[in-house]
PDB file of N, CA and C in Angstrom:
ATOM      1  N   MET A   1      -7.999   1.972   6.278  1.00  0.00           N
ATOM      2  CA  MET A   1      -8.884   1.557   5.214  1.00  0.00           C
ATOM      3  C   MET A   1      -9.618   2.782   4.679  1.00  0.00           C
ATOM      4  N   ILE A   2      -9.840   2.801   3.397  1.00  0.00           N
ATOM      5  CA  ILE A   2     -10.585   3.890   2.778  1.00  0.00           C
ATOM      6  C   ILE A   2     -11.951   3.375   2.335  1.00  0.00           C
ATOM      7  N   ASN A   3     -12.866   4.284   2.049  1.00  0.00           N
ATOM      8  CA  ASN A   3     -14.223   3.882   1.682  1.00  0.00           C
ATOM      9  C   ASN A   3     -14.318   3.268   0.299  1.00  0.00           C
ATOM     10  N   GLY A   4     -13.490   3.670  -0.611  1.00  0.00           N
ATOM     11  CA  GLY A   4     -13.532   3.102  -1.950  1.00  0.00           C
ATOM     12  C   GLY A   4     -12.394   3.619  -2.797  1.00  0.00           C
ATOM     13  N   PHE A   5     -12.057   2.876  -3.827  1.00  0.00           N
ATOM     14  CA  PHE A   5     -11.011   3.311  -4.747  1.00  0.00           C
ATOM     15  C   PHE A   5     -11.324   2.790  -6.139  1.00  0.00           C
ATOM     16  N   SER A   6     -10.730   3.430  -7.123  1.00  0.00           N
ATOM     17  CA  SER A   6     -10.948   3.064  -8.518  1.00  0.00           C
ATOM     18  C   SER A   6      -9.619   2.820  -9.197  1.00  0.00           C
ATOM     19  N   VAL A   7      -9.666   1.987 -10.234  1.00  0.00           N
ATOM     20  CA  VAL A   7      -8.484   1.677 -11.032  1.00  0.00           C
ATOM     21  C   VAL A   7      -8.740   2.186 -12.449  1.00  0.00           C
ATOM     22  N   TYR A   8      -7.832   3.029 -12.933  1.00  0.00           N
ATOM     23  CA  TYR A   8      -7.960   3.610 -14.263  1.00  0.00           C
ATOM     24  C   TYR A   8      -6.749   3.250 -15.107  1.00  0.00           C
ATOM     25  N   ARG A   9      -7.011   2.863 -16.358  1.00  0.00           N
ATOM     26  CA  ARG A   9      -5.905   2.632 -17.277  1.00  0.00           C
ATOM     27  C   ARG A   9      -5.687   3.904 -18.084  1.00  0.00           C
ATOM     28  N   ARG A  10      -4.524   4.499 -17.935  1.00  0.00           N
ATOM     29  CA  ARG A  10      -4.188   5.720 -18.682  1.00  0.00           C
ATOM     30  C   ARG A  10      -3.705   5.372 -20.079  1.00  0.00           C
ATOM     31  N   ASN A  11      -2.803   4.400 -20.165  1.00  0.00           N
ATOM     32  CA  ASN A  11      -2.239   3.902 -21.413  1.00  0.00           C
ATOM     33  C   ASN A  11      -1.904   2.438 -21.182  1.00  0.00           C
ATOM     34  N   PHE A  12      -1.415   1.774 -22.212  1.00  0.00           N
ATOM     35  CA  PHE A  12      -0.946   0.413 -22.019  1.00  0.00           C
ATOM     36  C   PHE A  12       0.207   0.432 -21.024  1.00  0.00           C
ATOM     37  N   GLY A  13       0.108  -0.366 -19.966  1.00  0.00           N
ATOM     38  CA  GLY A  13       1.166  -0.434 -18.969  1.00  0.00           C
ATOM     39  C   GLY A  13       1.169   0.707 -17.968  1.00  0.00           C
ATOM     40  N   HIS A  14       0.170   1.592 -18.029  1.00  0.00           N
ATOM     41  CA  HIS A  14       0.083   2.733 -17.115  1.00  0.00           C
ATOM     42  C   HIS A  14      -1.290   2.725 -16.444  1.00  0.00           C
ATOM     43  N   TRP A  15      -1.315   2.395 -15.151  1.00  0.00           N
ATOM     44  CA  TRP A  15      -2.553   2.327 -14.377  1.00  0.00           C
ATOM     45  C   TRP A  15      -2.449   3.247 -13.174  1.00  0.00           C
ATOM     46  N   ASP A  16      -3.564   3.892 -12.821  1.00  0.00           N
ATOM     47  CA  ASP A  16      -3.634   4.749 -11.638  1.00  0.00           C
ATOM     48  C   ASP A  16      -4.711   4.208 -10.707  1.00  0.00           C
ATOM     49  N   ILE A  17      -4.420   4.210  -9.420  1.00  0.00           N
ATOM     50  CA  ILE A  17      -5.364   3.784  -8.397  1.00  0.00           C
ATOM     51  C   ILE A  17      -5.654   5.016  -7.544  1.00  0.00           C
ATOM     52  N   SER A  18      -6.919   5.441  -7.494  1.00  0.00           N
ATOM     53  CA  SER A  18      -7.258   6.675  -6.803  1.00  0.00           C
ATOM     54  C   SER A  18      -8.608   6.568  -6.108  1.00  0.00           C
ATOM     55  N   SER A  19      -8.881   7.561  -5.270  1.00  0.00           N
ATOM     56  CA  SER A  19     -10.182   7.665  -4.608  1.00  0.00           C
ATOM     57  C   SER A  19     -10.633   9.113  -4.661  1.00  0.00           C
ATOM     58  N   GLN A  20     -11.932   9.343  -4.491  1.00  0.00           N
ATOM     59  CA  GLN A  20     -12.438  10.710  -4.480  1.00  0.00           C
ATOM     60  C   GLN A  20     -11.868  11.478  -3.296  1.00  0.00           C
ATOM     61  N   GLU A  21     -11.712  10.793  -2.175  1.00  0.00           N
ATOM     62  CA  GLU A  21     -11.265  11.432  -0.942  1.00  0.00           C
ATOM     63  C   GLU A  21      -9.787  11.813  -0.974  1.00  0.00           C
ATOM     64  N   TYR A  22      -8.917  10.948  -1.531  1.00  0.00           N
ATOM     65  CA  TYR A  22      -7.472  11.150  -1.451  1.00  0.00           C
ATOM     66  C   TYR A  22      -6.796  11.419  -2.793  1.00  0.00           C
ATOM     67  N   GLY A  23      -7.519  11.351  -3.895  1.00  0.00           N
ATOM     68  CA  GLY A  23      -6.889  11.524  -5.201  1.00  0.00           C
ATOM     69  C   GLY A  23      -6.075  10.282  -5.567  1.00  0.00           C
ATOM     70  N   ARG A  24      -5.050  10.472  -6.396  1.00  0.00           N
ATOM     71  CA  ARG A  24      -4.239   9.329  -6.827  1.00  0.00           C
ATOM     72  C   ARG A  24      -3.374   8.850  -5.670  1.00  0.00           C
ATOM     73  N   MET A  25      -3.455   7.546  -5.378  1.00  0.00           N
ATOM     74  CA  MET A  25      -2.712   6.957  -4.264  1.00  0.00           C
ATOM     75  C   MET A  25      -1.578   6.057  -4.728  1.00  0.00           C
ATOM     76  N   PHE A  26      -1.763   5.368  -5.837  1.00  0.00           N
ATOM     77  CA  PHE A  26      -0.738   4.479  -6.376  1.00  0.00           C
ATOM     78  C   PHE A  26      -0.678   4.641  -7.887  1.00  0.00           C
ATOM     79  N   ARG A  27       0.509   4.417  -8.422  1.00  0.00           N
ATOM     80  CA  ARG A  27       0.702   4.270  -9.858  1.00  0.00           C
ATOM     81  C   ARG A  27       1.255   2.879 -10.097  1.00  0.00           C
ATOM     82  N   LEU A  28       0.765   2.220 -11.110  1.00  0.00           N
ATOM     83  CA  LEU A  28       1.260   0.904 -11.508  1.00  0.00           C
ATOM     84  C   LEU A  28       1.807   1.065 -12.922  1.00  0.00           C
ATOM     85  N   ARG A  29       3.090   0.811 -13.082  1.00  0.00           N
ATOM     86  CA  ARG A  29       3.753   1.020 -14.364  1.00  0.00           C
ATOM     87  C   ARG A  29       4.564  -0.212 -14.738  1.00  0.00           C
ATOM     88  N   GLY A  30       4.537  -0.560 -16.011  1.00  0.00           N
ATOM     89  CA  GLY A  30       5.376  -1.664 -16.448  1.00  0.00           C
ATOM     90  C   GLY A  30       4.788  -2.463 -17.579  1.00  0.00           C
ATOM     91  N   GLY A  31       5.219  -3.707 -17.624  1.00  0.00           N
ATOM     92  CA  GLY A  31       4.784  -4.632 -18.649  1.00  0.00           C
ATOM     93  C   GLY A  31       5.156  -6.040 -18.224  1.00  0.00           C
ATOM     94  N   PRO A  32       5.003  -7.008 -19.112  1.00  0.00           N
ATOM     95  CA  PRO A  32       5.258  -8.407 -18.748  1.00  0.00           C
ATOM     96  C   PRO A  32       6.614  -8.600 -18.079  1.00  0.00           C
ATOM     97  N   GLY A  33       6.582  -9.169 -16.882  1.00  0.00           N
ATOM     98  CA  GLY A  33       7.816  -9.489 -16.171  1.00  0.00           C
ATOM     99  C   GLY A  33       8.311  -8.428 -15.210  1.00  0.00           C
ATOM    100  N   GLN A  34       7.822  -7.190 -15.321  1.00  0.00           N
ATOM    101  CA  GLN A  34       8.265  -6.136 -14.403  1.00  0.00           C
ATOM    102  C   GLN A  34       7.187  -5.069 -14.257  1.00  0.00           C
ATOM    103  N   TRP A  35       6.566  -5.065 -13.069  1.00  0.00           N
ATOM    104  CA  TRP A  35       5.547  -4.073 -12.729  1.00  0.00           C
ATOM    105  C   TRP A  35       6.004  -3.304 -11.501  1.00  0.00           C
ATOM    106  N   ASP A  36       6.125  -2.000 -11.633  1.00  0.00           N
ATOM    107  CA  ASP A  36       6.533  -1.129 -10.531  1.00  0.00           C
ATOM    108  C   ASP A  36       5.299  -0.521  -9.883  1.00  0.00           C
ATOM    109  N   VAL A  37       5.247  -0.569  -8.550  1.00  0.00           N
ATOM    110  CA  VAL A  37       4.181   0.071  -7.782  1.00  0.00           C
ATOM    111  C   VAL A  37       4.780   1.322  -7.150  1.00  0.00           C
ATOM    112  N   ILE A  38       4.217   2.474  -7.477  1.00  0.00           N
ATOM    113  CA  ILE A  38       4.684   3.738  -6.917  1.00  0.00           C
ATOM    114  C   ILE A  38       3.621   4.226  -5.936  1.00  0.00           C
ATOM    115  N   ASP A  39       3.996   4.321  -4.672  1.00  0.00           N
ATOM    116  CA  ASP A  39       3.093   4.729  -3.597  1.00  0.00           C
ATOM    117  C   ASP A  39       3.087   6.245  -3.513  1.00  0.00           C
ATOM    118  N   GLU A  40       1.946   6.866  -3.745  1.00  0.00           N
ATOM    119  CA  GLU A  40       1.835   8.328  -3.705  1.00  0.00           C
ATOM    120  C   GLU A  40       1.042   8.828  -2.500  1.00  0.00           C
ATOM    121  N   ARG A  41       0.759   7.948  -1.540  1.00  0.00           N
ATOM    122  CA  ARG A  41      -0.010   8.383  -0.376  1.00  0.00           C
ATOM    123  C   ARG A  41       0.819   9.313   0.491  1.00  0.00           C
ATOM    124  N   LYS A  42       0.189  10.334   1.014  1.00  0.00           N
ATOM    125  CA  LYS A  42       0.865  11.278   1.904  1.00  0.00           C
ATOM    126  C   LYS A  42       1.222  10.561   3.202  1.00  0.00           C
ATOM    127  N   GLY A  43       2.452  10.800   3.697  1.00  0.00           N
ATOM    128  CA  GLY A  43       2.891  10.174   4.935  1.00  0.00           C
ATOM    129  C   GLY A  43       3.348   8.740   4.780  1.00  0.00           C
ATOM    130  N   LYS A  44       3.363   8.225   3.566  1.00  0.00           N
ATOM    131  CA  LYS A  44       3.756   6.833   3.334  1.00  0.00           C
ATOM    132  C   LYS A  44       4.926   6.736   2.380  1.00  0.00           C
ATOM    133  N   GLY A  45       5.822   7.716   2.424  1.00  0.00           N
ATOM    134  CA  GLY A  45       6.963   7.686   1.509  1.00  0.00           C
ATOM    135  C   GLY A  45       6.554   8.096   0.124  1.00  0.00           C
ATOM    136  N   GLN A  46       5.903   9.239   0.019  1.00  0.00           N
ATOM    137  CA  GLN A  46       5.311   9.707  -1.221  1.00  0.00           C
ATOM    138  C   GLN A  46       6.267   9.564  -2.402  1.00  0.00           C
ATOM    139  N   ASN A  47       5.731   8.995  -3.483  1.00  0.00           N
ATOM    140  CA  ASN A  47       6.454   8.732  -4.733  1.00  0.00           C
ATOM    141  C   ASN A  47       7.577   7.718  -4.569  1.00  0.00           C
ATOM    142  N   SER A  48       7.433   6.791  -3.621  1.00  0.00           N
ATOM    143  CA  SER A  48       8.441   5.749  -3.458  1.00  0.00           C
ATOM    144  C   SER A  48       8.034   4.512  -4.254  1.00  0.00           C
ATOM    145  N   THR A  49       9.002   3.886  -4.882  1.00  0.00           N
ATOM    146  CA  THR A  49       8.772   2.656  -5.641  1.00  0.00           C
ATOM    147  C   THR A  49       9.005   1.478  -4.713  1.00  0.00           C
ATOM    148  N   MET A  50       8.095   0.525  -4.763  1.00  0.00           N
ATOM    149  CA  MET A  50       8.214  -0.652  -3.904  1.00  0.00           C
ATOM    150  C   MET A  50       9.267  -1.591  -4.481  1.00  0.00           C
ATOM    151  N   PRO A  51      10.333  -1.878  -3.734  1.00  0.00           N
ATOM    152  CA  PRO A  51      11.322  -2.835  -4.251  1.00  0.00           C
ATOM    153  C   PRO A  51      10.944  -4.246  -3.846  1.00  0.00           C
ATOM    154  N   PRO A  52      11.274  -5.241  -4.577  1.00  0.00           N
ATOM    155  CA  PRO A  52      11.632  -5.206  -5.996  1.00  0.00           C
ATOM    156  C   PRO A  52      10.371  -5.119  -6.841  1.00  0.00           C
ATOM    157  N   PRO A  53      10.497  -4.930  -8.148  1.00  0.00           N
ATOM    158  CA  PRO A  53       9.307  -4.896  -9.006  1.00  0.00           C
ATOM    159  C   PRO A  53       8.572  -6.244  -8.950  1.00  0.00           C
ATOM    160  N   PHE A  54       7.283  -6.205  -9.182  1.00  0.00           N
ATOM    161  CA  PHE A  54       6.486  -7.435  -9.235  1.00  0.00           C
ATOM    162  C   PHE A  54       6.615  -8.050 -10.624  1.00  0.00           C
ATOM    163  N   LYS A  55       6.658  -9.375 -10.686  1.00  0.00           N
ATOM    164  CA  LYS A  55       6.766 -10.062 -11.980  1.00  0.00           C
ATOM    165  C   LYS A  55       5.421 -10.141 -12.685  1.00  0.00           C
ATOM    166  N   ASP A  56       4.351 -10.018 -11.910  1.00  0.00           N
ATOM    167  CA  ASP A  56       3.020 -10.193 -12.469  1.00  0.00           C
ATOM    168  C   ASP A  56       2.129  -9.012 -12.080  1.00  0.00           C
ATOM    169  N   GLN A  57       1.332  -8.537 -13.013  1.00  0.00           N
ATOM    170  CA  GLN A  57       0.445  -7.407 -12.759  1.00  0.00           C
ATOM    171  C   GLN A  57      -0.562  -7.726 -11.655  1.00  0.00           C
ATOM    172  N   SER A  58      -1.073  -8.944 -11.622  1.00  0.00           N
ATOM    173  CA  SER A  58      -2.058  -9.310 -10.600  1.00  0.00           C
ATOM    174  C   SER A  58      -1.437  -9.329  -9.204  1.00  0.00           C
ATOM    175  N   ALA A  59      -0.160  -9.693  -9.083  1.00  0.00           N
ATOM    176  CA  ALA A  59       0.523  -9.651  -7.783  1.00  0.00           C
ATOM    177  C   ALA A  59       0.690  -8.209  -7.319  1.00  0.00           C
ATOM    178  N   ALA A  60       1.001  -7.307  -8.246  1.00  0.00           N
ATOM    179  CA  ALA A  60       1.129  -5.892  -7.898  1.00  0.00           C
ATOM    180  C   ALA A  60      -0.213  -5.342  -7.430  1.00  0.00           C
ATOM    181  N   MET A  61      -1.288  -5.701  -8.112  1.00  0.00           N
ATOM    182  CA  MET A  61      -2.621  -5.236  -7.709  1.00  0.00           C
ATOM    183  C   MET A  61      -3.053  -5.864  -6.378  1.00  0.00           C
ATOM    184  N   ALA A  62      -2.657  -7.101  -6.133  1.00  0.00           N
ATOM    185  CA  ALA A  62      -2.980  -7.735  -4.843  1.00  0.00           C
ATOM    186  C   ALA A  62      -2.304  -6.973  -3.710  1.00  0.00           C
ATOM    187  N   TYR A  63      -1.070  -6.533  -3.921  1.00  0.00           N
ATOM    188  CA  TYR A  63      -0.360  -5.742  -2.916  1.00  0.00           C
ATOM    189  C   TYR A  63      -1.103  -4.422  -2.659  1.00  0.00           C
ATOM    190  N   ILE A  64      -1.487  -3.735  -3.729  1.00  0.00           N
ATOM    191  CA  ILE A  64      -2.186  -2.457  -3.592  1.00  0.00           C
ATOM    192  C   ILE A  64      -3.514  -2.651  -2.867  1.00  0.00           C
ATOM    193  N   CYS A  65      -4.277  -3.655  -3.256  1.00  0.00           N
ATOM    194  CA  CYS A  65      -5.562  -3.922  -2.606  1.00  0.00           C
ATOM    195  C   CYS A  65      -5.376  -4.255  -1.132  1.00  0.00           C
ATOM    196  N   ALA A  66      -4.355  -5.021  -0.798  1.00  0.00           N
ATOM    197  CA  ALA A  66      -4.095  -5.354   0.605  1.00  0.00           C
ATOM    198  C   ALA A  66      -3.776  -4.093   1.404  1.00  0.00           C
ATOM    199  N   GLU A  67      -3.033  -3.169   0.810  1.00  0.00           N
ATOM    200  CA  GLU A  67      -2.716  -1.907   1.486  1.00  0.00           C
ATOM    201  C   GLU A  67      -3.964  -1.066   1.723  1.00  0.00           C
ATOM    202  N   LEU A  68      -4.853  -1.019   0.744  1.00  0.00           N
ATOM    203  CA  LEU A  68      -6.016  -0.139   0.834  1.00  0.00           C
ATOM    204  C   LEU A  68      -7.204  -0.759   1.557  1.00  0.00           C
ATOM    205  N   MET A  69      -7.261  -2.079   1.635  1.00  0.00           N
ATOM    206  CA  MET A  69      -8.430  -2.738   2.211  1.00  0.00           C
ATOM    207  C   MET A  69      -8.187  -3.323   3.597  1.00  0.00           C
ATOM    208  N   HIS A  70      -7.042  -3.052   4.189  1.00  0.00           N
ATOM    209  CA  HIS A  70      -6.717  -3.600   5.504  1.00  0.00           C
ATOM    210  C   HIS A  70      -7.720  -3.133   6.551  1.00  0.00           C
ATOM    211  N   GLU A  71      -8.265  -4.073   7.324  1.00  0.00           N
ATOM    212  CA  GLU A  71      -9.168  -3.763   8.421  1.00  0.00           C
ATOM    213  C   GLU A  71      -8.636  -4.408   9.692  1.00  0.00           C
ATOM    214  N   LEU A  72      -8.535  -3.640  10.739  1.00  0.00           N
ATOM    215  CA  LEU A  72      -8.112  -4.176  12.024  1.00  0.00           C
ATOM    216  C   LEU A  72      -9.379  -4.455  12.827  1.00  0.00           C
ATOM    217  N   LEU A  73      -9.776  -5.717  12.863  1.00  0.00           N
ATOM    218  CA  LEU A  73     -11.031  -6.100  13.497  1.00  0.00           C
ATOM    219  C   LEU A  73     -10.795  -6.985  14.705  1.00  0.00           C
ATOM    220  N   THR A  74     -11.706  -6.901  15.650  1.00  0.00           N
ATOM    221  CA  THR A  74     -11.737  -7.834  16.768  1.00  0.00           C
ATOM    222  C   THR A  74     -13.200  -8.155  17.031  1.00  0.00           C
ATOM    223  N   VAL A  75     -13.471  -9.337  17.508  1.00  0.00           N
ATOM    224  CA  VAL A  75     -14.832  -9.776  17.781  1.00  0.00           C
ATOM    225  C   VAL A  75     -15.276  -9.199  19.125  1.00  0.00           C
ATOM    226  N   GLU A  76     -16.521  -8.752  19.200  1.00  0.00           N
ATOM    227  CA  GLU A  76     -17.054  -8.187  20.436  1.00  0.00           C
ATOM    228  C   GLU A  76     -16.879  -9.172  21.588  1.00  0.00           C
ATOM    229  N   GLY A  77     -16.312  -8.685  22.682  1.00  0.00           N
ATOM    230  CA  GLY A  77     -16.078  -9.520  23.852  1.00  0.00           C
ATOM    231  C   GLY A  77     -14.732 -10.240  23.840  1.00  0.00           C
ATOM    232  N   GLN A  78     -14.036 -10.209  22.718  1.00  0.00           N
ATOM    233  CA  GLN A  78     -12.743 -10.872  22.607  1.00  0.00           C
ATOM    234  C   GLN A  78     -11.634  -9.876  22.940  1.00  0.00           C
ATOM    235  N   GLU A  79     -10.685 -10.283  23.742  1.00  0.00           N
ATOM    236  CA  GLU A  79      -9.543  -9.439  24.069  1.00  0.00           C
ATOM    237  C   GLU A  79      -8.576  -9.439  22.880  1.00  0.00           C
ATOM    238  N   PRO A  80      -8.126  -8.260  22.456  1.00  0.00           N
ATOM    239  CA  PRO A  80      -7.176  -8.239  21.337  1.00  0.00           C
ATOM    240  C   PRO A  80      -5.820  -8.789  21.765  1.00  0.00           C
ATOM    241  N   HIS A  81      -5.131  -9.417  20.832  1.00  0.00           N
ATOM    242  CA  HIS A  81      -3.774  -9.903  21.073  1.00  0.00           C
ATOM    243  C   HIS A  81      -2.807  -8.804  20.665  1.00  0.00           C
ATOM    244  N   VAL A  82      -1.910  -8.459  21.557  1.00  0.00           N
ATOM    245  CA  VAL A  82      -0.953  -7.393  21.281  1.00  0.00           C
ATOM    246  C   VAL A  82       0.423  -8.006  21.125  1.00  0.00           C
ATOM    247  N   MET A  83       1.154  -7.529  20.132  1.00  0.00           N
ATOM    248  CA  MET A  83       2.470  -8.055  19.811  1.00  0.00           C
ATOM    249  C   MET A  83       3.510  -6.966  20.063  1.00  0.00           C
ATOM    250  N   ALA A  84       4.649  -7.328  20.603  1.00  0.00           N
ATOM    251  CA  ALA A  84       5.717  -6.357  20.842  1.00  0.00           C
ATOM    252  C   ALA A  84       6.204  -5.796  19.508  1.00  0.00           C
ATOM    253  N   SER A  85       6.420  -4.471  19.446  1.00  0.00           N
ATOM    254  CA  SER A  85       6.764  -3.821  18.184  1.00  0.00           C
ATOM    255  C   SER A  85       8.110  -4.281  17.620  1.00  0.00           C
ATOM    256  N   TRP A  86       9.013  -4.789  18.453  1.00  0.00           N
ATOM    257  CA  TRP A  86      10.302  -5.224  17.932  1.00  0.00           C
ATOM    258  C   TRP A  86      10.181  -6.476  17.070  1.00  0.00           C
ATOM    259  N   ASN A  87       9.010  -7.147  17.087  1.00  0.00           N
ATOM    260  CA  ASN A  87       8.812  -8.346  16.274  1.00  0.00           C
ATOM    261  C   ASN A  87       8.696  -8.048  14.782  1.00  0.00           C
ATOM    262  N   ILE A  88       8.382  -6.823  14.452  1.00  0.00           N
ATOM    263  CA  ILE A  88       8.223  -6.457  13.042  1.00  0.00           C
ATOM    264  C   ILE A  88       9.064  -5.227  12.737  1.00  0.00           C
ATOM    265  N   ASN A  89       9.353  -5.015  11.481  1.00  0.00           N
ATOM    266  CA  ASN A  89      10.170  -3.872  11.072  1.00  0.00           C
ATOM    267  C   ASN A  89       9.258  -2.693  10.734  1.00  0.00           C
ATOM    268  N   PHE A  90       8.499  -2.214  11.727  1.00  0.00           N
ATOM    269  CA  PHE A  90       7.600  -1.080  11.545  1.00  0.00           C
ATOM    270  C   PHE A  90       8.201   0.105  12.274  1.00  0.00           C
ATOM    271  N   THR A  91       9.162   0.744  11.642  1.00  0.00           N
ATOM    272  CA  THR A  91       9.844   1.887  12.247  1.00  0.00           C
ATOM    273  C   THR A  91       9.659   3.106  11.361  1.00  0.00           C
ATOM    274  N   HIS A  92       9.913   4.275  11.903  1.00  0.00           N
ATOM    275  CA  HIS A  92       9.771   5.519  11.161  1.00  0.00           C
ATOM    276  C   HIS A  92      10.729   5.565   9.963  1.00  0.00           C
ATOM    277  N   ALA A  93      11.893   4.966  10.116  1.00  0.00           N
ATOM    278  CA  ALA A  93      12.866   4.968   9.016  1.00  0.00           C
ATOM    279  C   ALA A  93      12.353   4.178   7.818  1.00  0.00           C
ATOM    280  N   ARG A  94      11.623   3.096   8.061  1.00  0.00           N
ATOM    281  CA  ARG A  94      11.114   2.254   6.982  1.00  0.00           C
ATOM    282  C   ARG A  94       9.743   2.724   6.492  1.00  0.00           C
ATOM    283  N   ASP A  95       8.928   3.273   7.396  1.00  0.00           N
ATOM    284  CA  ASP A  95       7.571   3.695   7.085  1.00  0.00           C
ATOM    285  C   ASP A  95       7.303   5.000   7.837  1.00  0.00           C
ATOM    286  N   GLY A  96       7.021   6.054   7.109  1.00  0.00           N
ATOM    287  CA  GLY A  96       6.799   7.363   7.712  1.00  0.00           C
ATOM    288  C   GLY A  96       5.706   7.398   8.768  1.00  0.00           C
ATOM    289  N   MET A  97       4.806   6.413   8.749  1.00  0.00           N
ATOM    290  CA  MET A  97       3.731   6.348   9.742  1.00  0.00           C
ATOM    291  C   MET A  97       4.152   5.556  10.975  1.00  0.00           C
ATOM    292  N   GLY A  98       5.315   4.916  10.914  1.00  0.00           N
ATOM    293  CA  GLY A  98       5.795   4.094  12.031  1.00  0.00           C
ATOM    294  C   GLY A  98       6.364   4.916  13.155  1.00  0.00           C
ATOM    295  N   PRO A  99       6.572   4.275  14.318  1.00  0.00           N
ATOM    296  CA  PRO A  99       7.097   4.989  15.467  1.00  0.00           C
ATOM    297  C   PRO A  99       8.568   5.381  15.267  1.00  0.00           C
ATOM    298  N   SER A 100       8.954   6.509  15.829  1.00  0.00           N
ATOM    299  CA  SER A 100      10.363   6.915  15.781  1.00  0.00           C
ATOM    300  C   SER A 100      10.941   6.779  17.187  1.00  0.00           C
ATOM    301  N   TYR A 101      12.068   6.128  17.271  1.00  0.00           N
ATOM    302  CA  TYR A 101      12.713   5.897  18.574  1.00  0.00           C
ATOM    303  C   TYR A 101      13.919   6.812  18.698  1.00  0.00           C
ATOM    304  N   SER A 102      14.097   7.385  19.866  1.00  0.00           N
ATOM    305  CA  SER A 102      15.244   8.280  20.089  1.00  0.00           C
ATOM    306  C   SER A 102      16.482   7.504  20.438  1.00  0.00           C
TER     307      SER A 102
END
């Protein structure tokens, strides 16, 4: 999670999502029916386009907000639930921040 981010419209159909700390993190490009999200975060597949394109601009922004606002919280005194990593596709090949297996 980051402390804050801003959304700037450069032109019609061209939006940038950035923060003071990290600079530009996402680009949102497109128009009605096809919005491409380009992830520019370091270590996260820099300049990769999220497949498939989003049909709606608000869905694309919801994805970006979910990526930037994720908080891993647990209640004081509560034991965290741990899940085996094979249950999800979080690997280095799919996500540069994921674990790499030999």
